[in-house]
């Protein structure tokens, strides 16, 4: 997951969220917000940004 070599399932993400003292929906929203911000600051193209959001979801 950490190196983007595996797309985590909700079953894998739930323990990660718990370890971060967060909920799975909160973790997903935070990841999407970070990806959106990175896309803005890097001037990423639409297709690449869309793919990042798919990964976050």
PDB file of N, CA and C in Angstrom:
ATOM      1  N   UNK A   1       0.825  -1.190   0.000  1.00  0.00           N
ATOM      2  CA  UNK A   1       0.000   0.000   0.000  1.00  0.00           C
ATOM      3  C   UNK A   1       0.869   1.252   0.000  1.00  0.00           C
ATOM      4  N   UNK A   2       1.821   1.258   0.885  1.00  0.00           N
ATOM      5  CA  UNK A   2       2.623   2.460   1.091  1.00  0.00           C
ATOM      6  C   UNK A   2       3.373   2.873  -0.168  1.00  0.00           C
ATOM      7  N   UNK A   3       3.802   1.915  -0.953  1.00  0.00           N
ATOM      8  CA  UNK A   3       4.573   2.217  -2.159  1.00  0.00           C
ATOM      9  C   UNK A   3       3.720   2.188  -3.421  1.00  0.00           C
ATOM     10  N   UNK A   4       2.400   2.180  -3.244  1.00  0.00           N
ATOM     11  CA  UNK A   4       1.444   2.183  -4.358  1.00  0.00           C
ATOM     12  C   UNK A   4       1.603   0.959  -5.247  1.00  0.00           C
ATOM     13  N   UNK A   5       1.999  -0.147  -4.668  1.00  0.00           N
ATOM     14  CA  UNK A   5       2.108  -1.394  -5.423  1.00  0.00           C
ATOM     15  C   UNK A   5       0.876  -2.267  -5.241  1.00  0.00           C
ATOM     16  N   UNK A   6       0.052  -1.917  -4.291  1.00  0.00           N
ATOM     17  CA  UNK A   6      -1.145  -2.702  -4.021  1.00  0.00           C
ATOM     18  C   UNK A   6      -2.287  -1.752  -3.700  1.00  0.00           C
ATOM     19  N   UNK A   7      -3.441  -2.018  -4.297  1.00  0.00           N
ATOM     20  CA  UNK A   7      -4.618  -1.229  -3.985  1.00  0.00           C
ATOM     21  C   UNK A   7      -5.309  -1.875  -2.788  1.00  0.00           C
ATOM     22  N   UNK A   8      -5.356  -1.185  -1.678  1.00  0.00           N
ATOM     23  CA  UNK A   8      -5.908  -1.782  -0.457  1.00  0.00           C
ATOM     24  C   UNK A   8      -7.421  -1.922  -0.513  1.00  0.00           C
ATOM     25  N   UNK A   9      -7.891  -2.993   0.071  1.00  0.00           N
ATOM     26  CA  UNK A   9      -9.329  -3.211   0.206  1.00  0.00           C
ATOM     27  C   UNK A   9      -9.791  -2.514   1.488  1.00  0.00           C
ATOM     28  N   UNK A  10     -11.089  -2.318   1.636  1.00  0.00           N
ATOM     29  CA  UNK A  10     -11.586  -1.745   2.891  1.00  0.00           C
ATOM     30  C   UNK A  10     -11.170  -2.575   4.111  1.00  0.00           C
ATOM     31  N   UNK A  11     -11.060  -3.891   3.918  1.00  0.00           N
ATOM     32  CA  UNK A  11     -10.646  -4.762   5.020  1.00  0.00           C
ATOM     33  C   UNK A  11      -9.203  -4.481   5.439  1.00  0.00           C
ATOM     34  N   UNK A  12      -8.367  -4.042   4.493  1.00  0.00           N
ATOM     35  CA  UNK A  12      -6.991  -3.686   4.816  1.00  0.00           C
ATOM     36  C   UNK A  12      -6.909  -2.285   5.402  1.00  0.00           C
ATOM     37  N   UNK A  13      -7.767  -1.381   4.919  1.00  0.00           N
ATOM     38  CA  UNK A  13      -7.722   0.008   5.361  1.00  0.00           C
ATOM     39  C   UNK A  13      -8.305   0.220   6.756  1.00  0.00           C
ATOM     40  N   UNK A  14      -9.251  -0.598   7.138  1.00  0.00           N
ATOM     41  CA  UNK A  14      -9.890  -0.435   8.451  1.00  0.00           C
ATOM     42  C   UNK A  14      -8.874  -0.500   9.591  1.00  0.00           C
ATOM     43  N   UNK A  15      -7.959  -1.482   9.628  1.00  0.00           N
ATOM     44  CA  UNK A  15      -6.955  -1.489  10.701  1.00  0.00           C
ATOM     45  C   UNK A  15      -5.997  -0.294  10.631  1.00  0.00           C
ATOM     46  N   UNK A  16      -5.710   0.160   9.416  1.00  0.00           N
ATOM     47  CA  UNK A  16      -4.845   1.342   9.268  1.00  0.00           C
ATOM     48  C   UNK A  16      -5.538   2.557   9.874  1.00  0.00           C
ATOM     49  N   UNK A  17      -6.815   2.727   9.552  1.00  0.00           N
ATOM     50  CA  UNK A  17      -7.576   3.846  10.111  1.00  0.00           C
ATOM     51  C   UNK A  17      -7.617   3.752  11.632  1.00  0.00           C
ATOM     52  N   UNK A  18      -7.827   2.550  12.155  1.00  0.00           N
ATOM     53  CA  UNK A  18      -7.844   2.368  13.602  1.00  0.00           C
ATOM     54  C   UNK A  18      -6.516   2.721  14.236  1.00  0.00           C
ATOM     55  N   UNK A  19      -5.421   2.323  13.596  1.00  0.00           N
ATOM     56  CA  UNK A  19      -4.090   2.634  14.126  1.00  0.00           C
ATOM     57  C   UNK A  19      -3.832   4.138  14.127  1.00  0.00           C
ATOM     58  N   UNK A  20      -4.451   4.833  13.190  1.00  0.00           N
ATOM     59  CA  UNK A  20      -4.301   6.292  13.120  1.00  0.00           C
ATOM     60  C   UNK A  20      -5.360   7.014  13.952  1.00  0.00           C
ATOM     61  N   UNK A  21      -6.122   6.231  14.716  1.00  0.00           N
ATOM     62  CA  UNK A  21      -7.210   6.770  15.538  1.00  0.00           C
ATOM     63  C   UNK A  21      -8.168   7.610  14.701  1.00  0.00           C
ATOM     64  N   UNK A  22      -8.583   7.031  13.575  1.00  0.00           N
ATOM     65  CA  UNK A  22      -9.483   7.686  12.644  1.00  0.00           C
ATOM     66  C   UNK A  22     -10.516   6.665  12.180  1.00  0.00           C
ATOM     67  N   UNK A  23     -11.493   7.115  11.445  1.00  0.00           N
ATOM     68  CA  UNK A  23     -12.464   6.192  10.858  1.00  0.00           C
ATOM     69  C   UNK A  23     -12.116   6.011   9.385  1.00  0.00           C
ATOM     70  N   UNK A  24     -12.636   4.963   8.787  1.00  0.00           N
ATOM     71  CA  UNK A  24     -12.367   4.703   7.373  1.00  0.00           C
ATOM     72  C   UNK A  24     -12.885   5.844   6.484  1.00  0.00           C
ATOM     73  N   UNK A  25     -14.106   6.347   6.707  1.00  0.00           N
ATOM     74  CA  UNK A  25     -14.553   7.495   5.894  1.00  0.00           C
ATOM     75  C   UNK A  25     -13.675   8.738   6.085  1.00  0.00           C
ATOM     76  N   UNK A  26     -13.264   9.015   7.320  1.00  0.00           N
ATOM     77  CA  UNK A  26     -12.397  10.177   7.560  1.00  0.00           C
ATOM     78  C   UNK A  26     -11.053  10.018   6.865  1.00  0.00           C
ATOM     79  N   UNK A  27     -10.510   8.819   6.891  1.00  0.00           N
ATOM     80  CA  UNK A  27      -9.231   8.543   6.232  1.00  0.00           C
ATOM     81  C   UNK A  27      -9.352   8.736   4.720  1.00  0.00           C
ATOM     82  N   UNK A  28     -10.453   8.265   4.149  1.00  0.00           N
ATOM     83  CA  UNK A  28     -10.678   8.396   2.710  1.00  0.00           C
ATOM     84  C   UNK A  28     -10.822   9.859   2.310  1.00  0.00           C
ATOM     85  N   UNK A  29     -11.583  10.610   3.081  1.00  0.00           N
ATOM     86  CA  UNK A  29     -11.767  12.035   2.787  1.00  0.00           C
ATOM     87  C   UNK A  29     -10.429  12.771   2.887  1.00  0.00           C
ATOM     88  N   UNK A  30      -9.654  12.484   3.911  1.00  0.00           N
ATOM     89  CA  UNK A  30      -8.351  13.138   4.081  1.00  0.00           C
ATOM     90  C   UNK A  30      -7.427  12.820   2.908  1.00  0.00           C
ATOM     91  N   UNK A  31      -7.428  11.567   2.459  1.00  0.00           N
ATOM     92  CA  UNK A  31      -6.583  11.185   1.325  1.00  0.00           C
ATOM     93  C   UNK A  31      -7.022  11.914   0.060  1.00  0.00           C
ATOM     94  N   UNK A  32      -8.324  12.004  -0.161  1.00  0.00           N
ATOM     95  CA  UNK A  32      -8.834  12.700  -1.349  1.00  0.00           C
ATOM     96  C   UNK A  32      -8.467  14.179  -1.309  1.00  0.00           C
ATOM     97  N   UNK A  33      -8.567  14.800  -0.147  1.00  0.00           N
ATOM     98  CA  UNK A  33      -8.209  16.216  -0.015  1.00  0.00           C
ATOM     99  C   UNK A  33      -6.728  16.439  -0.288  1.00  0.00           C
ATOM    100  N   UNK A  34      -5.885  15.550   0.212  1.00  0.00           N
ATOM    101  CA  UNK A  34      -4.449  15.677  -0.036  1.00  0.00           C
ATOM    102  C   UNK A  34      -4.127  15.509  -1.512  1.00  0.00           C
ATOM    103  N   UNK A  35      -4.763  14.549  -2.155  1.00  0.00           N
ATOM    104  CA  UNK A  35      -4.536  14.344  -3.582  1.00  0.00           C
ATOM    105  C   UNK A  35      -5.013  15.548  -4.393  1.00  0.00           C
ATOM    106  N   UNK A  36      -6.152  16.111  -4.004  1.00  0.00           N
ATOM    107  CA  UNK A  36      -6.668  17.291  -4.697  1.00  0.00           C
ATOM    108  C   UNK A  36      -5.692  18.455  -4.562  1.00  0.00           C
ATOM    109  N   UNK A  37      -5.167  18.661  -3.364  1.00  0.00           N
ATOM    110  CA  UNK A  37      -4.229  19.755  -3.128  1.00  0.00           C
ATOM    111  C   UNK A  37      -2.926  19.541  -3.908  1.00  0.00           C
ATOM    112  N   UNK A  38      -2.422  18.312  -3.911  1.00  0.00           N
ATOM    113  CA  UNK A  38      -1.204  18.010  -4.681  1.00  0.00           C
ATOM    114  C   UNK A  38      -1.427  18.262  -6.163  1.00  0.00           C
ATOM    115  N   UNK A  39      -2.605  17.912  -6.640  1.00  0.00           N
ATOM    116  CA  UNK A  39      -2.924  18.135  -8.049  1.00  0.00           C
ATOM    117  C   UNK A  39      -2.933  19.608  -8.402  1.00  0.00           C
ATOM    118  N   UNK A  40      -3.452  20.421  -7.506  1.00  0.00           N
ATOM    119  CA  UNK A  40      -3.468  21.870  -7.740  1.00  0.00           C
ATOM    120  C   UNK A  40      -2.062  22.445  -7.731  1.00  0.00           C
ATOM    121  N   UNK A  41      -1.264  22.054  -6.749  1.00  0.00           N
ATOM    122  CA  UNK A  41       0.066  22.640  -6.617  1.00  0.00           C
ATOM    123  C   UNK A  41       1.028  22.141  -7.687  1.00  0.00           C
ATOM    124  N   UNK A  42       0.813  20.922  -8.180  1.00  0.00           N
ATOM    125  CA  UNK A  42       1.715  20.370  -9.197  1.00  0.00           C
ATOM    126  C   UNK A  42       1.229  20.667 -10.611  1.00  0.00           C
ATOM    127  N   UNK A  43       0.032  21.213 -10.738  1.00  0.00           N
ATOM    128  CA  UNK A  43      -0.504  21.473 -12.067  1.00  0.00           C
ATOM    129  C   UNK A  43      -0.756  20.188 -12.837  1.00  0.00           C
ATOM    130  N   UNK A  44      -1.208  19.175 -12.138  1.00  0.00           N
ATOM    131  CA  UNK A  44      -1.422  17.861 -12.733  1.00  0.00           C
ATOM    132  C   UNK A  44      -2.544  17.906 -13.752  1.00  0.00           C
ATOM    133  N   UNK A  45      -2.401  17.117 -14.800  1.00  0.00           N
ATOM    134  CA  UNK A  45      -3.446  17.014 -15.811  1.00  0.00           C
ATOM    135  C   UNK A  45      -4.678  16.329 -15.265  1.00  0.00           C
ATOM    136  N   UNK A  46      -5.807  16.564 -15.892  1.00  0.00           N
ATOM    137  CA  UNK A  46      -7.078  16.017 -15.419  1.00  0.00           C
ATOM    138  C   UNK A  46      -7.098  14.502 -15.308  1.00  0.00           C
ATOM    139  N   UNK A  47      -6.562  13.800 -16.300  1.00  0.00           N
ATOM    140  CA  UNK A  47      -6.599  12.342 -16.277  1.00  0.00           C
ATOM    141  C   UNK A  47      -5.789  11.784 -15.117  1.00  0.00           C
ATOM    142  N   UNK A  48      -4.619  12.334 -14.874  1.00  0.00           N
ATOM    143  CA  UNK A  48      -3.781  11.847 -13.774  1.00  0.00           C
ATOM    144  C   UNK A  48      -4.452  12.115 -12.425  1.00  0.00           C
ATOM    145  N   UNK A  49      -5.047  13.271 -12.278  1.00  0.00           N
ATOM    146  CA  UNK A  49      -5.733  13.607 -11.039  1.00  0.00           C
ATOM    147  C   UNK A  49      -6.926  12.687 -10.819  1.00  0.00           C
ATOM    148  N   UNK A  50      -7.682  12.415 -11.873  1.00  0.00           N
ATOM    149  CA  UNK A  50      -8.818  11.511 -11.767  1.00  0.00           C
ATOM    150  C   UNK A  50      -8.367  10.127 -11.314  1.00  0.00           C
ATOM    151  N   UNK A  51      -7.259   9.643 -11.864  1.00  0.00           N
ATOM    152  CA  UNK A  51      -6.739   8.337 -11.469  1.00  0.00           C
ATOM    153  C   UNK A  51      -6.333   8.345 -10.003  1.00  0.00           C
ATOM    154  N   UNK A  52      -5.802   9.433  -9.512  1.00  0.00           N
ATOM    155  CA  UNK A  52      -5.421   9.526  -8.101  1.00  0.00           C
ATOM    156  C   UNK A  52      -6.645   9.443  -7.213  1.00  0.00           C
ATOM    157  N   UNK A  53      -7.738  10.078  -7.634  1.00  0.00           N
ATOM    158  CA  UNK A  53      -8.941  10.008  -6.835  1.00  0.00           C
ATOM    159  C   UNK A  53      -9.518   8.605  -6.835  1.00  0.00           C
ATOM    160  N   UNK A  54      -9.405   7.900  -7.935  1.00  0.00           N
ATOM    161  CA  UNK A  54      -9.853   6.508  -7.965  1.00  0.00           C
ATOM    162  C   UNK A  54      -9.070   5.675  -6.977  1.00  0.00           C
ATOM    163  N   UNK A  55      -7.772   5.927  -6.900  1.00  0.00           N
ATOM    164  CA  UNK A  55      -6.937   5.201  -5.967  1.00  0.00           C
ATOM    165  C   UNK A  55      -7.347   5.524  -4.525  1.00  0.00           C
ATOM    166  N   UNK A  56      -7.676   6.780  -4.267  1.00  0.00           N
ATOM    167  CA  UNK A  56      -8.082   7.167  -2.922  1.00  0.00           C
ATOM    168  C   UNK A  56      -9.404   6.554  -2.542  1.00  0.00           C
ATOM    169  N   UNK A  57     -10.299   6.426  -3.476  1.00  0.00           N
ATOM    170  CA  UNK A  57     -11.612   5.853  -3.179  1.00  0.00           C
ATOM    171  C   UNK A  57     -11.461   4.378  -2.932  1.00  0.00           C
TER     172      UNK A  57
END
